[in-house]
Amino acid sequence: MTMASKIKFNLILILFLLVESLSAQNVSLMDLCGWRPVVISDQVPVDLTSSRSAVIISMEAMEQDNKTRPNWEKLANKIHADLRKMYIDPVCYVHQDDLMAGPEIRRAFVTEFQQRGVKNLIFFEKKYVGLDETHNVKIVKFNGQNDLTAENEKVWAQIESAYDLITLRLGRQIIRQNIKRTNFLIPEGPNILKDLPVFTGVHLGSYPGLIRRANLAVVIPEKYKIYAGLSANDQEILRQENLQIDRKISDIESIMTLYPYKYQLVNYGNDETLYKQGFQFALFPFQSTGVTIKNMLNYKISGNETDYISMVPKDSSGVSLKTIPVEQIVYKYYIKQTIAHDVYVGKEWDSDFTWESALRNFIINLGRALK
């Protein structure tokens, strides 16, 4: 190798190391794990190749105004093939939007992770910078709780890198750490969780007359905790987010004035907690694709449908029809009975593009049904 070639090689190596170092900065699990501070580590979890993991996928559409969910299952197949070669055992794959779809849905997924013995979480994000695709990967210990990981937990991360470069770095890190490999019976294909039932009771279209006399718990979004370990910039972002949540709660209260019976705004709690607080019924939000919502709420659906028809109530009487693609991200509300765990979804499919419209649709349809 000539002197010029050696200099060029060394410069490339220095640049590679610099990029690799920078890629581990400015990393957080904020948007998924409750905006908690984490510790960036150059080490992957020591049981990554001897225990079970869950992969949580987030994908952007190339067109920013496209609200239809991209084909994430194809990406899951690609990721699974590469993780399998590294002796990483992903026992399930979940779309991030589904995990964040609502408090009851998140709890159902966390319970599923617990039952499957998941020890580590692998967050995989595919997004676009202009027309170029880039990827983020974060690997962290699962704490078995709804907040997914502990405060100041160590995270191995690669940010805004090419897919092949990320898998190369991950494979090298596993070899570098010389960690134990005992995952030899990994399934050839990914186990994709998209039809996870979120309740054990009965799916009902009608409403019980008892709800007229009951105090309905209306589950509202919780504010973010502002950790001292976060940067000043992140803390300010959270303060602004909490102001947005305050405004949303105010809007929820405004829409709930359309409800003709008793209700109370509450923070999320499981069925037992809500029942002990005196609530027999609770109103929950659900945000995902129409087909995912129907699957998880146990609707009878046809695999041939390309669109769903939403019944949008008019101010006076009657309804208008809104056609929405089945893979479009929408909002839907439902009521859950805290004793029998039955779910009341309404006679009409009334999902909508915004949570405000979806809540209004549901409350007006509910009021009309109980007259």
Protein backbone atom coordinates (compact mmCIF):
# COMPACT_ATOMS: atom_id res chain seq x y z
CA MET A 1 0.00 0.00 0.00
CA THR A 2 1.39 3.39 -1.00
CA MET A 3 1.80 6.22 1.49
CA ALA A 4 -1.07 8.10 -0.17
CA SER A 5 -3.28 5.01 0.09
CA LYS A 6 -2.39 4.58 3.76
CA ILE A 7 -3.25 8.21 4.49
CA LYS A 8 -6.55 7.84 2.63
CA PHE A 9 -7.35 4.61 4.50
CA ASN A 10 -6.57 6.20 7.89
CA LEU A 11 -8.74 9.21 7.09
CA ILE A 12 -11.64 6.92 6.12
CA LEU A 13 -11.15 4.92 9.34
CA ILE A 14 -11.11 8.09 11.46
CA LEU A 15 -14.24 9.35 9.69
CA PHE A 16 -15.98 5.98 10.22
CA LEU A 17 -15.13 5.98 13.94
CA LEU A 18 -16.27 9.59 14.26
CA VAL A 19 -19.61 8.85 12.56
CA GLU A 20 -20.01 5.73 14.71
CA SER A 21 -19.35 7.81 17.84
CA LEU A 22 -21.72 10.59 16.81
CA SER A 23 -24.44 8.06 16.01
CA ALA A 24 -24.71 7.23 19.71
CA GLN A 25 -25.40 10.82 20.73
CA ASN A 26 -28.73 12.58 21.11
CA VAL A 27 -30.54 9.30 21.64
CA SER A 28 -33.62 8.89 23.77
CA LEU A 29 -36.55 6.56 24.23
CA MET A 30 -38.66 9.57 25.05
CA ASP A 31 -41.47 9.22 22.55
CA LEU A 32 -42.10 5.57 23.42
CA CYS A 33 -40.96 5.06 27.00
CA GLY A 34 -42.33 8.12 28.75
CA TRP A 35 -39.58 10.66 28.07
CA ARG A 36 -37.14 9.25 30.58
CA PRO A 37 -33.37 9.79 30.49
CA VAL A 38 -31.29 6.86 29.26
CA VAL A 39 -27.57 6.09 29.29
CA ILE A 40 -25.94 5.52 25.93
CA SER A 41 -23.72 2.45 25.99
CA ASP A 42 -21.39 0.81 23.50
CA GLN A 43 -22.41 -2.57 24.95
CA VAL A 44 -25.43 -4.64 23.93
CA PRO A 45 -27.31 -6.48 26.73
CA VAL A 46 -25.23 -9.50 27.82
CA ASP A 47 -28.21 -11.85 27.38
CA LEU A 48 -29.14 -10.60 23.90
CA THR A 49 -28.20 -13.91 22.26
CA SER A 50 -29.36 -16.16 25.10
CA SER A 51 -32.80 -14.71 25.90
CA ARG A 52 -35.94 -13.57 24.10
CA SER A 53 -36.51 -10.16 22.53
CA ALA A 54 -39.44 -8.19 21.11
CA VAL A 55 -38.96 -6.02 18.03
CA ILE A 56 -40.93 -2.77 17.82
CA ILE A 57 -41.03 -1.32 14.31
CA SER A 58 -41.77 2.23 13.22
CA MET A 59 -41.98 3.17 9.53
CA GLU A 60 -42.48 6.44 7.73
CA ALA A 61 -44.20 6.63 4.37
CA MET A 62 -42.07 8.23 1.69
CA GLU A 63 -44.78 10.85 1.09
CA GLN A 64 -45.27 12.91 4.26
CA ASP A 65 -49.00 13.44 3.70
CA ASN A 66 -49.62 9.70 3.27
CA LYS A 67 -51.46 8.47 6.39
CA THR A 68 -51.74 4.87 5.19
CA ARG A 69 -49.55 2.41 7.08
CA PRO A 70 -46.56 1.19 5.00
CA ASN A 71 -45.89 -2.54 4.56
CA TRP A 72 -44.05 -3.10 7.82
CA GLU A 73 -44.42 -6.89 7.69
CA LYS A 74 -42.03 -7.04 4.73
CA LEU A 75 -39.48 -5.12 6.80
CA ALA A 76 -40.08 -7.47 9.75
CA ASN A 77 -39.17 -10.43 7.53
CA LYS A 78 -35.91 -8.76 6.52
CA ILE A 79 -34.98 -7.84 10.10
CA HIS A 80 -35.83 -11.32 11.37
CA ALA A 81 -33.58 -13.03 8.85
CA ASP A 82 -30.62 -10.90 9.93
CA LEU A 83 -31.24 -11.13 13.69
CA ARG A 84 -31.60 -14.90 13.38
CA LYS A 85 -28.09 -15.12 11.90
CA MET A 86 -26.78 -13.33 15.01
CA TYR A 87 -28.55 -15.78 17.40
CA ILE A 88 -30.96 -13.05 18.52
CA ASP A 89 -34.39 -14.58 19.19
CA PRO A 90 -37.21 -12.10 18.45
CA VAL A 91 -40.32 -13.90 19.71
CA CYS A 92 -42.66 -11.21 18.41
CA TYR A 93 -42.83 -8.14 16.19
CA VAL A 94 -45.11 -5.18 16.97
CA HIS A 95 -45.85 -1.99 15.08
CA GLN A 96 -45.03 1.00 17.28
CA ASP A 97 -48.36 2.68 16.45
CA ASP A 98 -50.21 -0.35 17.81
CA LEU A 99 -48.18 -0.36 21.02
CA MET A 100 -49.08 3.33 21.43
CA ALA A 101 -52.70 2.93 20.26
CA GLY A 102 -54.26 3.39 23.70
CA PRO A 103 -53.66 2.55 27.38
CA GLU A 104 -55.61 -0.72 27.27
CA ILE A 105 -53.86 -1.83 24.09
CA ARG A 106 -50.41 -1.01 25.47
CA ARG A 107 -51.19 -3.02 28.60
CA ALA A 108 -52.27 -6.00 26.46
CA PHE A 109 -48.98 -5.94 24.55
CA VAL A 110 -46.92 -5.62 27.73
CA THR A 111 -48.78 -8.61 29.20
CA GLU A 112 -48.01 -10.53 26.02
CA PHE A 113 -44.31 -9.64 26.32
CA GLN A 114 -44.31 -10.88 29.91
CA GLN A 115 -45.99 -14.16 28.98
CA ARG A 116 -43.50 -14.73 26.16
CA GLY A 117 -40.55 -14.16 28.49
CA VAL A 118 -39.22 -11.08 26.69
CA LYS A 119 -36.05 -9.68 28.29
CA ASN A 120 -34.91 -7.12 25.70
CA LEU A 121 -36.60 -4.64 23.38
CA ILE A 122 -35.28 -3.81 19.91
CA PHE A 123 -36.68 -0.56 18.52
CA PHE A 124 -36.25 -0.33 14.75
CA GLU A 125 -37.22 2.84 12.91
CA LYS A 126 -37.18 3.40 9.15
CA LYS A 127 -37.66 6.97 7.96
CA TYR A 128 -36.81 9.27 5.08
CA VAL A 129 -34.53 12.27 4.83
CA GLY A 130 -35.70 13.76 1.57
CA LEU A 131 -35.87 10.77 -0.78
CA ASP A 132 -33.15 8.84 1.06
CA GLU A 133 -34.12 6.20 3.60
CA THR A 134 -32.30 5.94 6.91
CA HIS A 135 -32.64 3.78 10.00
CA ASN A 136 -32.44 4.01 13.78
CA VAL A 137 -31.96 1.04 16.09
CA LYS A 138 -32.07 1.04 19.90
CA ILE A 139 -31.66 -2.04 22.11
CA VAL A 140 -32.60 -1.87 25.78
CA LYS A 141 -33.63 -4.09 28.69
CA PHE A 142 -37.39 -4.64 29.16
CA ASN A 143 -38.53 -3.90 32.72
CA GLY A 144 -41.82 -5.82 32.46
CA GLN A 145 -43.91 -2.69 33.03
CA ASN A 146 -46.05 -0.36 30.90
CA ASP A 147 -43.23 2.19 30.75
CA LEU A 148 -41.10 -0.54 29.09
CA THR A 149 -37.68 0.33 30.51
CA ALA A 150 -36.14 1.76 33.66
CA GLU A 151 -34.93 5.30 34.15
CA ASN A 152 -31.24 5.68 33.22
CA GLU A 153 -31.22 2.22 31.62
CA LYS A 154 -28.32 1.50 29.26
CA VAL A 155 -29.17 1.67 25.56
CA TRP A 156 -27.13 0.47 22.58
CA ALA A 157 -28.08 2.70 19.66
CA GLN A 158 -27.28 3.43 16.04
CA ILE A 159 -28.86 6.57 14.64
CA GLU A 160 -29.56 7.60 11.04
CA SER A 161 -27.48 4.88 9.43
CA ALA A 162 -27.84 2.59 6.45
CA TYR A 163 -29.55 -0.71 7.25
CA ASP A 164 -26.57 -2.87 6.24
CA LEU A 165 -24.20 -0.74 8.32
CA ILE A 166 -26.40 -1.16 11.40
CA THR A 167 -26.55 -4.95 11.09
CA LEU A 168 -22.80 -5.05 10.50
CA ARG A 169 -22.12 -3.02 13.65
CA LEU A 170 -24.52 -5.11 15.71
CA GLY A 171 -22.94 -8.36 14.57
CA ARG A 172 -19.46 -7.04 15.30
CA GLN A 173 -20.48 -5.83 18.75
CA ILE A 174 -21.85 -9.26 19.67
CA ILE A 175 -18.57 -10.84 18.60
CA ARG A 176 -16.54 -8.15 20.37
CA GLN A 177 -18.33 -8.77 23.67
CA ASN A 178 -18.02 -12.53 23.26
CA ILE A 179 -21.42 -13.01 24.88
CA LYS A 180 -23.01 -16.41 25.39
CA ARG A 181 -25.04 -17.78 22.46
CA THR A 182 -27.71 -20.32 23.32
CA ASN A 183 -30.53 -19.28 20.97
CA PHE A 184 -30.39 -22.15 18.48
CA LEU A 185 -34.11 -22.83 17.90
CA ILE A 186 -35.23 -19.54 16.39
CA PRO A 187 -38.24 -19.77 14.01
CA GLU A 188 -37.46 -19.07 10.36
CA GLY A 189 -40.14 -16.39 10.03
CA PRO A 190 -41.23 -13.49 12.27
CA ASN A 191 -44.16 -13.82 14.66
CA ILE A 192 -46.10 -10.64 13.89
CA LEU A 193 -48.56 -9.48 16.55
CA LYS A 194 -51.31 -7.53 14.83
CA ASP A 195 -54.54 -9.25 15.91
CA LEU A 196 -53.92 -9.31 19.65
CA PRO A 197 -57.24 -9.40 21.56
CA VAL A 198 -57.31 -6.66 24.18
CA PHE A 199 -60.21 -7.97 26.28
CA THR A 200 -61.58 -11.23 27.67
CA GLY A 201 -65.26 -10.30 27.71
CA VAL A 202 -67.94 -10.19 25.01
CA HIS A 203 -67.94 -7.83 22.00
CA LEU A 204 -71.28 -5.97 22.03
CA GLY A 205 -72.83 -3.46 19.67
CA SER A 206 -75.64 -2.36 21.99
CA TYR A 207 -75.31 -0.51 25.28
CA PRO A 208 -76.69 -1.69 28.66
CA GLY A 209 -79.44 0.44 30.20
CA LEU A 210 -77.43 0.46 33.42
CA ILE A 211 -75.01 2.93 31.88
CA ARG A 212 -77.67 5.66 32.23
CA ARG A 213 -77.34 5.46 36.01
CA ALA A 214 -73.62 4.71 36.20
CA ASN A 215 -70.76 7.18 36.50
CA LEU A 216 -68.77 6.75 33.27
CA ALA A 217 -64.98 6.96 33.65
CA VAL A 218 -63.51 8.92 30.74
CA VAL A 219 -59.83 8.00 30.44
CA ILE A 220 -57.68 11.05 29.63
CA PRO A 221 -54.02 11.29 28.55
CA GLU A 222 -51.47 11.54 31.35
CA LYS A 223 -48.90 14.28 31.51
CA TYR A 224 -45.23 13.53 31.06
CA LYS A 225 -43.02 13.34 34.10
CA ILE A 226 -40.14 15.80 33.76
CA TYR A 227 -37.00 14.00 34.97
CA ALA A 228 -34.14 16.00 36.40
CA GLY A 229 -31.72 13.98 34.27
CA LEU A 230 -33.15 15.32 31.00
CA SER A 231 -31.50 18.21 29.20
CA ALA A 232 -32.93 21.71 29.57
CA ASN A 233 -34.10 21.52 25.97
CA ASP A 234 -35.92 18.23 26.54
CA GLN A 235 -37.50 19.55 29.73
CA GLU A 236 -38.83 22.56 27.84
CA ILE A 237 -40.20 20.27 25.12
CA LEU A 238 -42.01 18.31 27.81
CA ARG A 239 -43.46 21.44 29.37
CA GLN A 240 -44.88 22.37 25.98
CA GLU A 241 -46.20 18.83 25.50
CA ASN A 242 -47.93 19.01 28.88
CA LEU A 243 -49.57 22.29 27.87
CA GLN A 244 -50.87 20.51 24.76
CA ILE A 245 -52.22 17.72 26.97
CA ASP A 246 -53.97 20.31 29.16
CA ARG A 247 -55.63 21.73 26.05
CA LYS A 248 -56.64 18.25 24.90
CA ILE A 249 -58.21 17.46 28.28
CA SER A 250 -60.13 20.73 28.08
CA ASP A 251 -61.36 19.75 24.59
CA ILE A 252 -62.39 16.30 25.85
CA GLU A 253 -64.43 17.92 28.60
CA SER A 254 -66.07 20.21 26.05
CA ILE A 255 -67.07 17.30 23.80
CA MET A 256 -68.30 15.27 26.79
CA THR A 257 -70.96 17.92 27.46
CA LEU A 258 -72.82 16.13 24.63
CA TYR A 259 -73.10 13.08 26.90
CA PRO A 260 -76.48 13.21 28.67
CA TYR A 261 -75.49 11.18 31.75
CA LYS A 262 -72.94 11.24 34.54
CA TYR A 263 -69.20 11.00 33.78
CA GLN A 264 -65.82 11.81 35.33
CA LEU A 265 -62.41 12.39 33.76
CA VAL A 266 -59.86 9.91 35.15
CA ASN A 267 -56.31 8.75 34.58
CA TYR A 268 -55.85 5.25 33.22
CA GLY A 269 -56.20 2.31 35.57
CA ASN A 270 -56.84 -1.38 34.99
CA ASP A 271 -60.34 -2.81 35.38
CA GLU A 272 -59.90 -3.68 39.05
CA THR A 273 -58.55 -0.24 39.92
CA LEU A 274 -61.35 1.55 38.10
CA TYR A 275 -63.99 -0.68 39.70
CA LYS A 276 -62.59 0.01 43.17
CA GLN A 277 -62.83 3.71 42.38
CA GLY A 278 -66.56 3.24 41.76
CA PHE A 279 -66.65 2.96 37.96
CA GLN A 280 -68.53 0.10 36.30
CA PHE A 281 -67.89 1.49 32.82
CA ALA A 282 -64.89 3.26 31.27
CA LEU A 283 -64.49 5.07 27.96
CA PHE A 284 -61.20 4.39 26.14
CA PRO A 285 -59.51 5.78 23.00
CA PHE A 286 -57.99 3.60 20.29
CA GLN A 287 -55.73 4.89 17.51
CA SER A 288 -54.51 2.59 14.73
CA THR A 289 -55.48 1.43 11.25
CA GLY A 290 -59.15 0.61 10.86
CA VAL A 291 -58.42 -3.06 10.20
CA THR A 292 -56.16 -3.32 13.28
CA ILE A 293 -58.80 -1.75 15.50
CA LYS A 294 -61.46 -4.13 14.21
CA ASN A 295 -59.19 -7.14 14.69
CA MET A 296 -58.21 -6.20 18.22
CA LEU A 297 -61.79 -5.39 19.24
CA ASN A 298 -62.95 -8.69 17.77
CA TYR A 299 -65.16 -7.41 14.96
CA LYS A 300 -66.25 -9.88 12.31
CA ILE A 301 -64.45 -8.64 9.22
CA SER A 302 -63.88 -9.75 5.66
CA GLY A 303 -60.35 -9.96 4.32
CA ASN A 304 -61.57 -8.58 0.99
CA GLU A 305 -62.58 -5.13 2.25
CA THR A 306 -60.51 -2.18 1.07
CA ASP A 307 -62.57 0.55 2.78
CA TYR A 308 -64.78 0.93 5.84
CA ILE A 309 -67.85 3.16 5.97
CA SER A 310 -68.00 5.40 9.05
CA MET A 311 -71.37 6.64 10.26
CA VAL A 312 -70.85 10.29 11.17
CA PRO A 313 -73.83 11.76 13.07
CA LYS A 314 -75.20 15.09 11.89
CA ASP A 315 -75.90 17.84 14.42
CA SER A 316 -79.67 17.54 14.25
CA SER A 317 -80.44 13.96 13.27
CA GLY A 318 -79.36 11.29 10.82
CA VAL A 319 -75.84 10.46 9.69
CA SER A 320 -73.49 11.08 6.81
CA LEU A 321 -71.25 8.38 5.38
CA LYS A 322 -67.47 8.64 5.26
CA THR A 323 -65.37 6.15 3.28
CA ILE A 324 -61.96 5.43 4.85
CA PRO A 325 -59.32 2.92 3.58
CA VAL A 326 -58.82 -0.02 5.95
CA GLU A 327 -55.10 0.77 6.33
CA GLN A 328 -55.72 4.43 7.14
CA ILE A 329 -54.76 5.56 10.66
CA VAL A 330 -57.99 6.47 12.47
CA TYR A 331 -59.38 6.96 15.97
CA LYS A 332 -62.14 4.89 17.56
CA TYR A 333 -63.67 5.00 21.05
CA TYR A 334 -65.18 2.12 22.99
CA ILE A 335 -66.63 1.46 26.45
CA LYS A 336 -65.41 -1.36 28.67
CA GLN A 337 -67.28 -2.88 31.61
CA THR A 338 -64.88 -3.18 34.51
CA ILE A 339 -66.59 -6.20 36.13
CA ALA A 340 -67.32 -8.61 33.25
CA HIS A 341 -64.74 -6.97 30.93
CA ASP A 342 -67.30 -6.78 28.11
CA VAL A 343 -66.62 -4.20 25.40
CA TYR A 344 -69.30 -1.93 23.91
CA VAL A 345 -68.31 -0.57 20.52
CA GLY A 346 -71.64 0.80 19.27
CA LYS A 347 -73.92 -0.39 16.50
CA GLU A 348 -72.28 1.92 13.98
CA TRP A 349 -68.66 1.94 12.87
CA ASP A 350 -67.85 5.57 13.73
CA SER A 351 -64.07 5.92 13.49
CA ASP A 352 -62.67 9.17 12.12
CA PHE A 353 -59.43 10.88 11.11
CA THR A 354 -59.11 12.96 14.31
CA TRP A 355 -59.69 12.01 17.92
CA GLU A 356 -62.06 14.98 18.35
CA SER A 357 -64.32 13.79 15.54
CA ALA A 358 -64.16 10.16 16.67
CA LEU A 359 -65.11 11.08 20.26
CA ARG A 360 -67.94 13.31 19.10
CA ASN A 361 -69.23 10.56 16.76
CA PHE A 362 -69.19 7.98 19.54
CA ILE A 363 -70.81 10.18 22.21
CA ILE A 364 -73.63 11.38 19.94
CA ASN A 365 -74.31 7.83 18.69
CA LEU A 366 -74.23 6.60 22.29
CA GLY A 367 -76.67 9.28 23.44
CA ARG A 368 -79.06 8.48 20.58
CA ALA A 369 -78.90 4.73 21.31
CA LEU A 370 -79.75 5.23 25.00
CA LYS A 371 -82.79 7.47 24.42
